[in-house]
Amino acid sequence: MFNPTPLVRYADPAFSQDRTRYCILRLQVSEEELLLSVYDSLSASFPLLEKYTIRNGFSGLKTHEALSRILQTHPLTRLPFKETEVIIASPDFTLIPSALFEESKSEEFLGISTTIKKPAETGIENFVRQEMKLVYSWPASWKRAIVQAFPSATIHHYSFYLLQGILNQPSETAVYAHVQDFREDIIVVKEGKLMFFNSFSFQSPEDFLYYILLAYDRHELNRELIPLKLLGEIEQGSALYSLCYKYIREINFMNRPGNSLIPKAEGESGELPDHFYFNLLHPGNENNQR
């Protein structure tokens, strides 16, 4: 019998499955991993967080095959939830000013900056305050696996939560680096206005630093005055952090929205850093404005 085991698991032993009807089930899917969380709206906490490696954890299986197997066998897929959300962590996206956008030309816009890998699904995110649209693509095979398990799931691109969290901050000028799956998202904000957003893969700390310094240079930002804000799966004291600190005077971590409680990982004594899993661990989007 196939029993997928999470690489990381944060679980509250007191959590009862009877409470799932008051909870949001949230999944984040990428080529590399599946993240799964349960948000309890009554206790404002995350009683469960699990991480499954896909590319390295299921040798010989394609992403959608591994995803299907996990969802088909996971006990949570058989329980009732208040809401189910799926976050697509796809690097294939582009930003378009709302004034120039035509929905019928979504794939044409996207094809300017990336190669759409057919068969693919195309999605659109609308950022009203910034007067822009984000068009993204993701494998159609992922959607089939998701819809089979959760027919009524709400689906968003990870930028929906990432940019929302950053742009809802007080107006300031900063460079943001978000880390997940050996990818970094570089965001430049000047006085509260989005100036740049792009995603890059990296293999070494030097690669990671290069894209950050390039953003500072191209937008004529002073590394002595303009802070770098880190979020996602990056730790203070890591090689990534240490190298950045040699070149940028002020480095801060940007915490997740809300103050939701998260249990400790099984077998671990430390707490989950407040900036980890930024897109996944937020208290919901009912009151958020984009």
C-alpha atoms as a PDB file:
ATOM      1  CA  MET A   1       0.000   0.000   0.000  1.00  0.00           C
ATOM      2  CA  PHE A   2       1.262   3.474  -0.923  1.00  0.00           C
ATOM      3  CA  ASN A   3       1.740   5.613   2.183  1.00  0.00           C
ATOM      4  CA  PRO A   4       3.495   8.899   1.385  1.00  0.00           C
ATOM      5  CA  THR A   5       5.498  10.272   4.289  1.00  0.00           C
ATOM      6  CA  PRO A   6       6.006  14.026   4.725  1.00  0.00           C
ATOM      7  CA  LEU A   7       9.566  15.293   4.861  1.00  0.00           C
ATOM      8  CA  VAL A   8       8.500  17.880   7.467  1.00  0.00           C
ATOM      9  CA  ARG A   9       5.427  17.748   9.692  1.00  0.00           C
ATOM     10  CA  TYR A  10       4.129  20.298  12.202  1.00  0.00           C
ATOM     11  CA  ALA A  11       1.094  18.890  13.989  1.00  0.00           C
ATOM     12  CA  ASP A  12      -0.949  19.789  17.056  1.00  0.00           C
ATOM     13  CA  PRO A  13      -1.818  16.491  18.794  1.00  0.00           C
ATOM     14  CA  ALA A  14      -4.901  18.116  20.313  1.00  0.00           C
ATOM     15  CA  PHE A  15      -6.433  18.920  16.937  1.00  0.00           C
ATOM     16  CA  SER A  16      -9.609  16.957  16.213  1.00  0.00           C
ATOM     17  CA  GLN A  17     -10.732  16.060  12.698  1.00  0.00           C
ATOM     18  CA  ASP A  18     -14.255  17.015  13.770  1.00  0.00           C
ATOM     19  CA  ARG A  19     -13.152  20.661  13.478  1.00  0.00           C
ATOM     20  CA  THR A  20     -12.282  20.542   9.778  1.00  0.00           C
ATOM     21  CA  ARG A  21     -15.677  21.985   8.821  1.00  0.00           C
ATOM     22  CA  TYR A  22     -14.435  25.255  10.409  1.00  0.00           C
ATOM     23  CA  CYS A  23     -11.038  25.059   8.700  1.00  0.00           C
ATOM     24  CA  ILE A  24      -9.362  26.052   5.461  1.00  0.00           C
ATOM     25  CA  LEU A  25      -7.340  23.365   3.716  1.00  0.00           C
ATOM     26  CA  ARG A  26      -4.571  24.954   1.696  1.00  0.00           C
ATOM     27  CA  LEU A  27      -2.108  23.307  -0.684  1.00  0.00           C
ATOM     28  CA  GLN A  28       0.865  24.737  -2.545  1.00  0.00           C
ATOM     29  CA  VAL A  29       2.084  22.801  -5.587  1.00  0.00           C
ATOM     30  CA  SER A  30       5.356  23.140  -7.492  1.00  0.00           C
ATOM     31  CA  GLU A  31       7.616  20.883  -9.543  1.00  0.00           C
ATOM     32  CA  GLU A  32       9.677  20.227  -6.422  1.00  0.00           C
ATOM     33  CA  GLU A  33       7.217  19.862  -3.561  1.00  0.00           C
ATOM     34  CA  LEU A  34       3.719  19.789  -2.180  1.00  0.00           C
ATOM     35  CA  LEU A  35       2.960  21.852   0.917  1.00  0.00           C
ATOM     36  CA  LEU A  36      -0.233  21.241   2.843  1.00  0.00           C
ATOM     37  CA  SER A  37      -1.684  23.223   5.718  1.00  0.00           C
ATOM     38  CA  VAL A  38      -4.878  23.392   7.769  1.00  0.00           C
ATOM     39  CA  TYR A  39      -5.996  26.751   9.136  1.00  0.00           C
ATOM     40  CA  ASP A  40      -8.438  26.633  12.063  1.00  0.00           C
ATOM     41  CA  SER A  41     -10.485  29.844  11.900  1.00  0.00           C
ATOM     42  CA  LEU A  42     -11.911  29.336  15.403  1.00  0.00           C
ATOM     43  CA  SER A  43      -8.554  29.181  17.167  1.00  0.00           C
ATOM     44  CA  ALA A  44      -6.664  31.322  14.609  1.00  0.00           C
ATOM     45  CA  SER A  45      -4.014  28.627  14.356  1.00  0.00           C
ATOM     46  CA  PHE A  46      -2.432  26.185  11.936  1.00  0.00           C
ATOM     47  CA  PRO A  47      -2.773  22.792  13.629  1.00  0.00           C
ATOM     48  CA  LEU A  48      -1.158  21.014  10.681  1.00  0.00           C
ATOM     49  CA  LEU A  49       1.617  21.753   8.186  1.00  0.00           C
ATOM     50  CA  GLU A  50       3.203  19.085   5.997  1.00  0.00           C
ATOM     51  CA  LYS A  51       5.839  19.156   3.277  1.00  0.00           C
ATOM     52  CA  TYR A  52       6.248  16.405   0.678  1.00  0.00           C
ATOM     53  CA  THR A  53       9.140  16.328  -1.765  1.00  0.00           C
ATOM     54  CA  ILE A  54       7.945  15.413  -5.237  1.00  0.00           C
ATOM     55  CA  ARG A  55      10.930  15.410  -7.604  1.00  0.00           C
ATOM     56  CA  ASN A  56      13.266  13.593  -5.180  1.00  0.00           C
ATOM     57  CA  GLY A  57      10.694  11.746  -3.119  1.00  0.00           C
ATOM     58  CA  PHE A  58       8.886   9.792  -5.856  1.00  0.00           C
ATOM     59  CA  SER A  59      11.542   8.512  -8.217  1.00  0.00           C
ATOM     60  CA  GLY A  60      10.250   7.737 -11.670  1.00  0.00           C
ATOM     61  CA  LEU A  61       6.942   9.569 -11.219  1.00  0.00           C
ATOM     62  CA  LYS A  62       5.970  12.778 -12.962  1.00  0.00           C
ATOM     63  CA  THR A  63       4.798  15.690 -10.823  1.00  0.00           C
ATOM     64  CA  HIS A  64       1.097  15.119 -11.494  1.00  0.00           C
ATOM     65  CA  GLU A  65       1.448  11.366 -10.812  1.00  0.00           C
ATOM     66  CA  ALA A  66       3.119  11.970  -7.446  1.00  0.00           C
ATOM     67  CA  LEU A  67       0.562  14.660  -6.637  1.00  0.00           C
ATOM     68  CA  SER A  68      -2.318  12.314  -7.461  1.00  0.00           C
ATOM     69  CA  ARG A  69      -0.929   9.544  -5.283  1.00  0.00           C
ATOM     70  CA  ILE A  70      -0.485  11.826  -2.290  1.00  0.00           C
ATOM     71  CA  LEU A  71      -3.963  13.333  -2.600  1.00  0.00           C
ATOM     72  CA  GLN A  72      -5.664   9.994  -3.238  1.00  0.00           C
ATOM     73  CA  THR A  73      -4.199   8.433  -0.091  1.00  0.00           C
ATOM     74  CA  HIS A  74      -4.123  11.397   2.286  1.00  0.00           C
ATOM     75  CA  PRO A  75      -6.831  11.183   4.989  1.00  0.00           C
ATOM     76  CA  LEU A  76      -7.616  14.912   4.759  1.00  0.00           C
ATOM     77  CA  THR A  77      -9.037  14.519   1.258  1.00  0.00           C
ATOM     78  CA  ARG A  78     -11.943  12.557   2.725  1.00  0.00           C
ATOM     79  CA  LEU A  79     -12.925  15.173   5.308  1.00  0.00           C
ATOM     80  CA  PRO A  80     -15.248  18.197   4.932  1.00  0.00           C
ATOM     81  CA  PHE A  81     -13.594  21.637   4.981  1.00  0.00           C
ATOM     82  CA  LYS A  82     -14.995  25.144   5.103  1.00  0.00           C
ATOM     83  CA  GLU A  83     -12.883  25.974   2.070  1.00  0.00           C
ATOM     84  CA  THR A  84     -10.069  24.481  -0.001  1.00  0.00           C
ATOM     85  CA  GLU A  85      -7.431  26.682  -1.625  1.00  0.00           C
ATOM     86  CA  VAL A  86      -4.675  25.632  -4.023  1.00  0.00           C
ATOM     87  CA  ILE A  87      -1.594  27.779  -4.628  1.00  0.00           C
ATOM     88  CA  ILE A  88       0.234  27.217  -7.913  1.00  0.00           C
ATOM     89  CA  ALA A  89       3.961  27.891  -7.558  1.00  0.00           C
ATOM     90  CA  SER A  90       4.742  28.220 -11.257  1.00  0.00           C
ATOM     91  CA  PRO A  91       7.634  30.394 -12.482  1.00  0.00           C
ATOM     92  CA  ASP A  92       5.870  31.059 -15.796  1.00  0.00           C
ATOM     93  CA  PHE A  93       4.167  34.431 -15.417  1.00  0.00           C
ATOM     94  CA  THR A  94       4.208  38.003 -16.647  1.00  0.00           C
ATOM     95  CA  LEU A  95       2.848  41.353 -15.457  1.00  0.00           C
ATOM     96  CA  ILE A  96       0.764  43.556 -17.775  1.00  0.00           C
ATOM     97  CA  PRO A  97      -0.652  47.073 -17.190  1.00  0.00           C
ATOM     98  CA  SER A  98      -4.433  46.853 -16.894  1.00  0.00           C
ATOM     99  CA  ALA A  99      -4.853  49.532 -19.553  1.00  0.00           C
ATOM    100  CA  LEU A 100      -3.124  47.319 -22.137  1.00  0.00           C
ATOM    101  CA  PHE A 101      -4.590  43.993 -21.101  1.00  0.00           C
ATOM    102  CA  GLU A 102      -6.992  41.983 -23.275  1.00  0.00           C
ATOM    103  CA  GLU A 103      -8.114  38.656 -21.827  1.00  0.00           C
ATOM    104  CA  SER A 104      -8.402  37.077 -25.258  1.00  0.00           C
ATOM    105  CA  LYS A 105      -4.668  37.694 -25.734  1.00  0.00           C
ATOM    106  CA  SER A 106      -3.548  36.241 -22.369  1.00  0.00           C
ATOM    107  CA  GLU A 107      -1.397  33.512 -23.892  1.00  0.00           C
ATOM    108  CA  GLU A 108       0.064  35.954 -26.403  1.00  0.00           C
ATOM    109  CA  PHE A 109       1.148  38.291 -23.585  1.00  0.00           C
ATOM    110  CA  LEU A 110       2.590  35.381 -21.608  1.00  0.00           C
ATOM    111  CA  GLY A 111       4.469  34.050 -24.626  1.00  0.00           C
ATOM    112  CA  ILE A 112       6.508  37.260 -24.850  1.00  0.00           C
ATOM    113  CA  SER A 113       8.411  36.463 -21.636  1.00  0.00           C
ATOM    114  CA  THR A 114       8.177  32.684 -21.292  1.00  0.00           C
ATOM    115  CA  THR A 115       7.620  29.515 -23.276  1.00  0.00           C
ATOM    116  CA  ILE A 116       4.234  27.981 -22.510  1.00  0.00           C
ATOM    117  CA  LYS A 117       4.672  24.239 -22.042  1.00  0.00           C
ATOM    118  CA  LYS A 118       1.627  22.616 -23.645  1.00  0.00           C
ATOM    119  CA  PRO A 119      -0.794  21.302 -22.566  1.00  0.00           C
ATOM    120  CA  ALA A 120      -1.167  24.114 -20.049  1.00  0.00           C
ATOM    121  CA  GLU A 121      -3.727  26.020 -18.056  1.00  0.00           C
ATOM    122  CA  THR A 122      -3.670  29.815 -18.043  1.00  0.00           C
ATOM    123  CA  GLY A 123      -4.744  31.908 -15.072  1.00  0.00           C
ATOM    124  CA  ILE A 124      -5.128  35.634 -14.390  1.00  0.00           C
ATOM    125  CA  GLU A 125      -4.674  37.603 -11.173  1.00  0.00           C
ATOM    126  CA  ASN A 126      -5.997  41.159 -10.915  1.00  0.00           C
ATOM    127  CA  PHE A 127      -4.131  43.690  -8.772  1.00  0.00           C
ATOM    128  CA  VAL A 128      -6.523  46.630  -8.656  1.00  0.00           C
ATOM    129  CA  ARG A 129      -4.460  49.066  -6.593  1.00  0.00           C
ATOM    130  CA  GLN A 130      -1.420  48.614  -8.822  1.00  0.00           C
ATOM    131  CA  GLU A 131      -3.545  48.715 -12.016  1.00  0.00           C
ATOM    132  CA  MET A 132      -1.984  45.553 -13.393  1.00  0.00           C
ATOM    133  CA  LYS A 133      -2.758  41.977 -14.345  1.00  0.00           C
ATOM    134  CA  LEU A 134      -0.618  38.912 -13.809  1.00  0.00           C
ATOM    135  CA  VAL A 135      -0.972  36.096 -16.341  1.00  0.00           C
ATOM    136  CA  TYR A 136       0.493  32.701 -15.523  1.00  0.00           C
ATOM    137  CA  SER A 137       0.526  29.176 -16.891  1.00  0.00           C
ATOM    138  CA  TRP A 138       0.783  25.803 -15.208  1.00  0.00           C
ATOM    139  CA  PRO A 139       0.599  22.175 -16.388  1.00  0.00           C
ATOM    140  CA  ALA A 140      -2.887  20.958 -17.256  1.00  0.00           C
ATOM    141  CA  SER A 141      -1.967  17.615 -15.640  1.00  0.00           C
ATOM    142  CA  TRP A 142      -1.677  19.347 -12.250  1.00  0.00           C
ATOM    143  CA  LYS A 143      -5.198  20.703 -12.595  1.00  0.00           C
ATOM    144  CA  ARG A 144      -6.618  17.279 -13.395  1.00  0.00           C
ATOM    145  CA  ALA A 145      -5.022  15.827 -10.255  1.00  0.00           C
ATOM    146  CA  ILE A 146      -6.272  18.714  -8.104  1.00  0.00           C
ATOM    147  CA  VAL A 147      -9.813  18.808  -9.463  1.00  0.00           C
ATOM    148  CA  GLN A 148     -10.143  15.065  -9.047  1.00  0.00           C
ATOM    149  CA  ALA A 149      -9.448  15.429  -5.324  1.00  0.00           C
ATOM    150  CA  PHE A 150     -11.040  18.865  -4.783  1.00  0.00           C
ATOM    151  CA  PRO A 151     -13.623  19.742  -7.460  1.00  0.00           C
ATOM    152  CA  SER A 152     -14.585  23.068  -5.852  1.00  0.00           C
ATOM    153  CA  ALA A 153     -11.105  24.289  -4.845  1.00  0.00           C
ATOM    154  CA  THR A 154     -10.169  27.933  -5.296  1.00  0.00           C
ATOM    155  CA  ILE A 155      -6.965  28.237  -7.320  1.00  0.00           C
ATOM    156  CA  HIS A 156      -4.499  31.142  -7.243  1.00  0.00           C
ATOM    157  CA  HIS A 157      -0.947  31.809  -8.349  1.00  0.00           C
ATOM    158  CA  TYR A 158       1.515  32.198  -5.468  1.00  0.00           C
ATOM    159  CA  SER A 159       2.027  35.835  -6.463  1.00  0.00           C
ATOM    160  CA  PHE A 160      -1.570  36.495  -5.354  1.00  0.00           C
ATOM    161  CA  TYR A 161      -0.434  36.122  -1.748  1.00  0.00           C
ATOM    162  CA  LEU A 162       3.183  37.209  -2.143  1.00  0.00           C
ATOM    163  CA  LEU A 163       2.501  40.587  -3.735  1.00  0.00           C
ATOM    164  CA  GLN A 164      -0.590  41.142  -1.623  1.00  0.00           C
ATOM    165  CA  GLY A 165       1.449  40.694   1.554  1.00  0.00           C
ATOM    166  CA  ILE A 166       4.223  42.991   0.351  1.00  0.00           C
ATOM    167  CA  LEU A 167       2.121  45.744  -1.231  1.00  0.00           C
ATOM    168  CA  ASN A 168      -0.199  45.989   1.772  1.00  0.00           C
ATOM    169  CA  GLN A 169       2.752  47.243   3.826  1.00  0.00           C
ATOM    170  CA  PRO A 170       3.137  50.973   4.600  1.00  0.00           C
ATOM    171  CA  SER A 171       4.529  52.884   1.607  1.00  0.00           C
ATOM    172  CA  GLU A 172       8.307  52.582   1.521  1.00  0.00           C
ATOM    173  CA  THR A 173      11.215  51.765  -0.766  1.00  0.00           C
ATOM    174  CA  ALA A 174      12.785  48.319  -0.406  1.00  0.00           C
ATOM    175  CA  VAL A 175      14.026  45.262  -2.241  1.00  0.00           C
ATOM    176  CA  TYR A 176      12.394  41.946  -1.344  1.00  0.00           C
ATOM    177  CA  ALA A 177      13.795  38.463  -1.926  1.00  0.00           C
ATOM    178  CA  HIS A 178      11.409  35.558  -1.480  1.00  0.00           C
ATOM    179  CA  VAL A 179      12.918  32.061  -1.410  1.00  0.00           C
ATOM    180  CA  GLN A 180      11.235  28.760  -2.258  1.00  0.00           C
ATOM    181  CA  ASP A 181      12.322  25.618  -4.163  1.00  0.00           C
ATOM    182  CA  PHE A 182      15.790  26.970  -5.047  1.00  0.00           C
ATOM    183  CA  ARG A 183      14.069  29.892  -6.697  1.00  0.00           C
ATOM    184  CA  GLU A 184      14.119  33.503  -5.641  1.00  0.00           C
ATOM    185  CA  ASP A 185      11.506  36.129  -6.398  1.00  0.00           C
ATOM    186  CA  ILE A 186      12.968  39.614  -6.546  1.00  0.00           C
ATOM    187  CA  ILE A 187      10.510  42.459  -5.922  1.00  0.00           C
ATOM    188  CA  VAL A 188      11.403  46.148  -5.992  1.00  0.00           C
ATOM    189  CA  VAL A 189       9.006  48.622  -4.393  1.00  0.00           C
ATOM    190  CA  LYS A 190       9.519  52.386  -4.502  1.00  0.00           C
ATOM    191  CA  GLU A 191       7.355  54.412  -2.127  1.00  0.00           C
ATOM    192  CA  GLY A 192       4.717  51.688  -2.127  1.00  0.00           C
ATOM    193  CA  LYS A 193       4.614  51.258  -5.918  1.00  0.00           C
ATOM    194  CA  LEU A 194       5.674  48.002  -7.554  1.00  0.00           C
ATOM    195  CA  MET A 195       8.602  48.622  -9.907  1.00  0.00           C
ATOM    196  CA  PHE A 196       9.894  45.110 -10.594  1.00  0.00           C
ATOM    197  CA  PHE A 197       8.914  41.486 -10.013  1.00  0.00           C
ATOM    198  CA  ASN A 198      10.655  38.455 -11.485  1.00  0.00           C
ATOM    199  CA  SER A 199      11.613  34.912 -10.551  1.00  0.00           C
ATOM    200  CA  PHE A 200      15.037  33.277 -10.951  1.00  0.00           C
ATOM    201  CA  SER A 201      16.485  29.853 -10.241  1.00  0.00           C
ATOM    202  CA  PHE A 202      19.792  29.687  -8.367  1.00  0.00           C
ATOM    203  CA  GLN A 203      22.315  26.989  -7.482  1.00  0.00           C
ATOM    204  CA  SER A 204      24.747  28.835  -5.223  1.00  0.00           C
ATOM    205  CA  PRO A 205      24.810  31.767  -2.789  1.00  0.00           C
ATOM    206  CA  GLU A 206      26.677  33.743  -5.438  1.00  0.00           C
ATOM    207  CA  ASP A 207      23.829  33.220  -7.916  1.00  0.00           C
ATOM    208  CA  PHE A 208      21.336  34.294  -5.260  1.00  0.00           C
ATOM    209  CA  LEU A 209      23.254  37.484  -4.502  1.00  0.00           C
ATOM    210  CA  TYR A 210      23.792  38.344  -8.172  1.00  0.00           C
ATOM    211  CA  TYR A 211      20.081  38.856  -8.928  1.00  0.00           C
ATOM    212  CA  ILE A 212      19.601  40.946  -5.806  1.00  0.00           C
ATOM    213  CA  LEU A 213      22.523  43.261  -6.598  1.00  0.00           C
ATOM    214  CA  LEU A 214      21.313  43.511 -10.195  1.00  0.00           C
ATOM    215  CA  ALA A 215      17.951  44.788  -8.920  1.00  0.00           C
ATOM    216  CA  TYR A 216      19.675  47.415  -6.753  1.00  0.00           C
ATOM    217  CA  ASP A 217      21.865  48.578  -9.641  1.00  0.00           C
ATOM    218  CA  ARG A 218      19.202  48.696 -12.353  1.00  0.00           C
ATOM    219  CA  HIS A 219      16.828  50.671 -10.158  1.00  0.00           C
ATOM    220  CA  GLU A 220      19.604  52.950  -8.864  1.00  0.00           C
ATOM    221  CA  LEU A 221      19.043  52.002  -5.224  1.00  0.00           C
ATOM    222  CA  ASN A 222      21.695  52.752  -2.628  1.00  0.00           C
ATOM    223  CA  ARG A 223      22.745  49.546  -0.818  1.00  0.00           C
ATOM    224  CA  GLU A 224      23.771  51.643   2.179  1.00  0.00           C
ATOM    225  CA  LEU A 225      20.286  53.123   2.595  1.00  0.00           C
ATOM    226  CA  ILE A 226      17.651  50.853   0.994  1.00  0.00           C
ATOM    227  CA  PRO A 227      16.896  47.701   3.004  1.00  0.00           C
ATOM    228  CA  LEU A 228      16.742  44.155   1.713  1.00  0.00           C
ATOM    229  CA  LYS A 229      13.798  42.231   3.141  1.00  0.00           C
ATOM    230  CA  LEU A 230      13.935  38.439   3.105  1.00  0.00           C
ATOM    231  CA  LEU A 231      11.005  36.066   3.303  1.00  0.00           C
ATOM    232  CA  GLY A 232      10.339  32.419   2.607  1.00  0.00           C
ATOM    233  CA  GLU A 233      12.688  29.533   3.312  1.00  0.00           C
ATOM    234  CA  ILE A 234      15.888  31.352   4.222  1.00  0.00           C
ATOM    235  CA  GLU A 235      17.507  31.446   7.649  1.00  0.00           C
ATOM    236  CA  GLN A 236      19.665  33.990   9.419  1.00  0.00           C
ATOM    237  CA  GLY A 237      23.203  32.655   9.527  1.00  0.00           C
ATOM    238  CA  SER A 238      22.807  30.667   6.316  1.00  0.00           C
ATOM    239  CA  ALA A 239      25.269  31.049   3.442  1.00  0.00           C
ATOM    240  CA  LEU A 240      22.658  33.015   1.478  1.00  0.00           C
ATOM    241  CA  TYR A 241      22.094  35.472   4.305  1.00  0.00           C
ATOM    242  CA  SER A 242      25.784  35.843   5.197  1.00  0.00           C
ATOM    243  CA  LEU A 243      26.821  36.664   1.642  1.00  0.00           C
ATOM    244  CA  CYS A 244      24.086  39.281   1.251  1.00  0.00           C
ATOM    245  CA  TYR A 245      25.129  40.898   4.517  1.00  0.00           C
ATOM    246  CA  LYS A 246      28.594  41.594   3.081  1.00  0.00           C
ATOM    247  CA  TYR A 247      27.130  43.847   0.405  1.00  0.00           C
ATOM    248  CA  ILE A 248      23.935  45.317   1.862  1.00  0.00           C
ATOM    249  CA  ARG A 249      23.884  47.314   5.071  1.00  0.00           C
ATOM    250  CA  GLU A 250      20.322  46.654   6.299  1.00  0.00           C
ATOM    251  CA  ILE A 251      18.733  43.211   6.024  1.00  0.00           C
ATOM    252  CA  ASN A 252      15.417  42.355   7.678  1.00  0.00           C
ATOM    253  CA  PHE A 253      13.056  39.405   7.644  1.00  0.00           C
ATOM    254  CA  MET A 254       9.454  40.060   6.663  1.00  0.00           C
ATOM    255  CA  ASN A 255       7.057  38.081   8.820  1.00  0.00           C
ATOM    256  CA  ARG A 256       3.918  36.369   7.574  1.00  0.00           C
ATOM    257  CA  PRO A 257       0.617  38.282   7.878  1.00  0.00           C
ATOM    258  CA  GLY A 258      -1.280  37.608  11.097  1.00  0.00           C
ATOM    259  CA  ASN A 259      -0.086  36.028  14.322  1.00  0.00           C
ATOM    260  CA  SER A 260      -1.401  32.514  13.830  1.00  0.00           C
ATOM    261  CA  LEU A 261      -0.050  29.807  16.115  1.00  0.00           C
ATOM    262  CA  ILE A 262       1.913  26.943  14.560  1.00  0.00           C
ATOM    263  CA  PRO A 263       2.934  23.806  16.495  1.00  0.00           C
ATOM    264  CA  LYS A 264       6.547  22.635  16.633  1.00  0.00           C
ATOM    265  CA  ALA A 265       7.796  20.173  14.063  1.00  0.00           C
ATOM    266  CA  GLU A 266       7.764  16.529  15.047  1.00  0.00           C
ATOM    267  CA  GLY A 267      11.182  15.618  16.411  1.00  0.00           C
ATOM    268  CA  GLU A 268      12.281  19.266  16.590  1.00  0.00           C
ATOM    269  CA  SER A 269      12.549  21.662  19.522  1.00  0.00           C
ATOM    270  CA  GLY A 270      12.760  24.950  17.639  1.00  0.00           C
ATOM    271  CA  GLU A 271       9.916  27.136  16.421  1.00  0.00           C
ATOM    272  CA  LEU A 272       9.127  27.686  12.756  1.00  0.00           C
ATOM    273  CA  PRO A 273      10.610  31.071  11.752  1.00  0.00           C
ATOM    274  CA  ASP A 274       7.933  33.741  11.311  1.00  0.00           C
ATOM    275  CA  HIS A 275       8.909  34.394   7.687  1.00  0.00           C
ATOM    276  CA  PHE A 276       8.818  30.772   6.445  1.00  0.00           C
ATOM    277  CA  TYR A 277       6.088  29.575   4.045  1.00  0.00           C
ATOM    278  CA  PHE A 278       4.912  33.140   3.540  1.00  0.00           C
ATOM    279  CA  ASN A 279       2.303  32.327   0.874  1.00  0.00           C
ATOM    280  CA  LEU A 280       0.902  29.266   2.604  1.00  0.00           C
ATOM    281  CA  LEU A 281       0.556  30.333   6.229  1.00  0.00           C
ATOM    282  CA  HIS A 282      -1.726  33.337   6.197  1.00  0.00           C
ATOM    283  CA  PRO A 283      -5.101  33.577   7.935  1.00  0.00           C
ATOM    284  CA  GLY A 284      -7.208  33.683   4.794  1.00  0.00           C
ATOM    285  CA  ASN A 285      -8.118  36.203   2.107  1.00  0.00           C
ATOM    286  CA  GLU A 286     -11.663  37.080   3.102  1.00  0.00           C
ATOM    287  CA  ASN A 287     -10.802  40.662   4.040  1.00  0.00           C
ATOM    288  CA  ASN A 288      -7.763  41.264   1.872  1.00  0.00           C
ATOM    289  CA  GLN A 289      -7.836  43.883  -0.834  1.00  0.00           C
ATOM    290  CA  ARG A 290      -5.575  43.650  -3.827  1.00  0.00           C
END
